[in-house]
Protein backbone atom coordinates (compact mmCIF):
# COMPACT_ATOMS: atom_id res chain seq x y z
CA MET A 1 -58.57 77.77 10.06
CA ILE A 2 -56.81 75.96 7.24
CA LEU A 3 -56.15 72.98 9.54
CA GLN A 4 -59.85 72.78 10.31
CA VAL A 5 -60.74 72.72 6.61
CA ILE A 6 -58.13 70.03 5.96
CA LEU A 7 -59.44 68.02 8.92
CA VAL A 8 -63.05 68.26 7.66
CA VAL A 9 -61.97 67.18 4.15
CA SER A 10 -60.05 64.30 5.70
CA ILE A 11 -63.13 63.25 7.70
CA ILE A 12 -65.33 63.34 4.58
CA LEU A 13 -62.84 61.21 2.65
CA GLN A 14 -62.51 58.76 5.53
CA VAL A 15 -66.28 58.40 5.89
CA PHE A 16 -66.45 57.72 2.14
CA ALA A 17 -63.76 55.04 2.56
CA VAL A 18 -65.72 53.45 5.41
CA ILE A 19 -68.91 53.37 3.33
CA VAL A 20 -67.12 51.72 0.40
CA ALA A 21 -65.40 49.24 2.74
CA ILE A 22 -68.75 48.31 4.32
CA LYS A 23 -70.27 47.71 0.87
CA LEU A 24 -67.31 45.49 -0.04
CA ILE A 25 -67.81 43.25 2.99
CA LYS A 26 -70.58 41.42 1.16
CA GLU A 27 -68.41 41.14 -1.99
CA THR A 28 -65.64 39.46 0.01
CA LYS A 29 -68.19 37.03 1.45
CA TYR A 30 -67.80 38.45 4.96
CA ASN A 31 -64.10 37.57 5.02
CA PHE A 32 -62.70 38.23 8.49
CA SER A 33 -59.69 40.12 7.14
CA TRP A 34 -61.89 42.58 5.26
CA VAL A 35 -64.13 43.04 8.31
CA LEU A 36 -61.02 43.89 10.36
CA LEU A 37 -59.86 46.42 7.76
CA THR A 38 -63.34 47.98 7.76
CA ILE A 39 -63.23 48.24 11.55
CA GLY A 40 -59.83 49.90 11.27
CA PHE A 41 -61.17 52.43 8.76
CA SER A 42 -64.13 53.11 11.05
CA VAL A 43 -61.90 53.66 14.09
CA MET A 44 -59.82 56.05 12.00
CA ALA A 45 -62.96 58.00 11.04
CA VAL A 46 -64.06 58.23 14.69
CA ARG A 47 -60.57 59.31 15.67
CA LEU A 48 -60.65 62.10 13.09
CA LEU A 49 -64.06 63.21 14.37
CA VAL A 50 -62.64 63.33 17.91
CA GLU A 51 -59.72 65.42 16.64
CA LEU A 52 -62.28 67.92 15.35
CA LEU A 53 -63.94 68.28 18.80
CA PRO A 54 -61.53 70.88 20.23
CA TYR A 55 -62.25 73.13 17.22
CA VAL A 56 -66.04 72.97 17.54
CA SER A 57 -66.54 72.67 21.34
CA ASN A 58 -64.81 73.38 24.62
CA PHE A 59 -62.98 70.04 24.81
CA GLU A 60 -59.31 70.26 25.59
CA SER A 61 -56.95 68.11 23.58
CA GLN A 62 -55.41 66.79 26.83
CA ASP A 63 -58.80 65.26 27.75
CA LEU A 64 -58.65 63.13 24.63
CA GLY A 65 -55.08 61.88 24.98
CA GLU A 66 -55.90 58.45 26.37
CA PHE A 67 -58.67 57.91 23.82
CA MET A 68 -56.31 58.81 20.99
CA VAL A 69 -53.67 56.36 22.21
CA TRP A 70 -56.11 53.45 22.64
CA SER A 71 -57.87 54.14 19.37
CA GLY A 72 -54.46 54.21 17.67
CA VAL A 73 -53.63 50.83 19.20
CA ALA A 74 -56.98 49.38 18.10
CA MET A 75 -56.57 50.81 14.62
CA SER A 76 -53.02 49.49 14.26
CA LEU A 77 -54.02 46.06 15.53
CA THR A 78 -57.00 45.71 13.18
CA PHE A 79 -54.96 46.91 10.20
CA ALA A 80 -52.01 44.63 11.00
CA ILE A 81 -54.15 41.50 11.43
CA GLY A 82 -56.42 42.40 8.51
CA VAL A 83 -53.54 42.96 6.11
CA PHE A 84 -51.89 39.73 7.25
CA LEU A 85 -55.09 37.73 6.76
CA ILE A 86 -56.09 39.36 3.46
CA GLN A 87 -53.45 37.23 1.76
CA LYS A 88 -56.11 34.50 1.61
CA ILE A 89 -58.29 36.66 -0.62
CA PHE A 90 -55.42 37.37 -3.02
CA LYS A 91 -54.36 33.72 -3.11
CA TYR A 92 -57.95 32.70 -3.83
CA MET A 93 -58.20 35.30 -6.61
CA LYS A 94 -54.95 33.96 -8.12
CA ARG A 95 -56.26 30.38 -8.04
CA VAL A 96 -59.50 31.43 -9.72
CA GLU A 97 -57.59 33.38 -12.39
CA ASP A 98 -55.22 30.44 -13.03
CA SER A 99 -58.18 28.09 -13.29
CA ARG A 100 -59.94 30.43 -15.71
CA ARG A 101 -56.83 30.66 -17.89
CA LEU A 102 -56.42 26.87 -17.93
CA THR A 103 -60.07 26.36 -18.87
CA GLU A 104 -59.79 28.97 -21.59
CA LYS A 105 -56.65 27.33 -22.95
CA MET A 106 -58.31 23.89 -22.97
CA PHE A 107 -61.38 25.32 -24.71
CA LEU A 108 -59.27 26.99 -27.42
CA ASN A 109 -57.27 23.78 -27.91
CA ALA A 110 -60.52 21.83 -28.32
CA ILE A 111 -61.71 24.31 -30.95
CA ILE A 112 -58.39 24.08 -32.83
CA GLN A 113 -58.40 20.26 -32.73
CA THR A 114 -62.00 20.14 -33.98
CA LYS A 115 -61.18 22.52 -36.79
CA ARG A 116 -58.16 20.41 -37.81
CA LYS A 117 -60.22 17.21 -37.80
CA ASN A 118 -63.02 18.81 -39.83
CA ALA A 119 -60.56 20.27 -42.33
CA ASN A 120 -59.48 16.74 -43.31
CA VAL A 121 -62.98 15.21 -43.25
CA LEU A 122 -64.85 17.76 -45.37
CA PRO A 123 -62.92 17.19 -48.62
CA LYS A 124 -63.40 13.41 -48.27
CA ILE A 125 -67.16 13.83 -47.80
CA CYS A 126 -67.44 16.20 -50.75
CA THR A 127 -65.47 13.87 -53.03
CA THR A 128 -67.49 10.83 -52.00
CA VAL A 129 -70.91 12.47 -52.30
CA TRP A 130 -70.52 14.80 -55.27
CA GLY A 131 -67.42 13.57 -56.97
CA ARG A 132 -65.62 16.82 -56.36
CA CYS A 133 -65.93 19.78 -54.00
CA SER A 134 -64.95 23.40 -54.31
CA ARG A 135 -63.13 25.00 -51.42
CA ARG A 136 -63.77 28.57 -50.43
């Protein structure tokens, strides 16, 4: 009985993972690696549902042996290829982050340079126009 409860909880969690993975496909711009990982999660969810069959029907676990082996192969293959290819996403994210940092650094340097230039110009303008200028 406890194994059945654990299996049902596992199925619920896996279905939740599949739903989140499907929603993230659009975020990754339909990247092939993420699609493969989503397929792997889906195969895992189906496999868990099939494991539940002997508890809720008259299926024998021996009848499902070949399905379990082939689904395991499919799952392993999609995960292996997906994880290998997902490196592109992480490399792209690193490039974007590096670019953002460089742009931010250049922007801050421009602000500092402008402030330095204006710090020297303002007293000259004040002295020329009003004769003297008070600094705050």
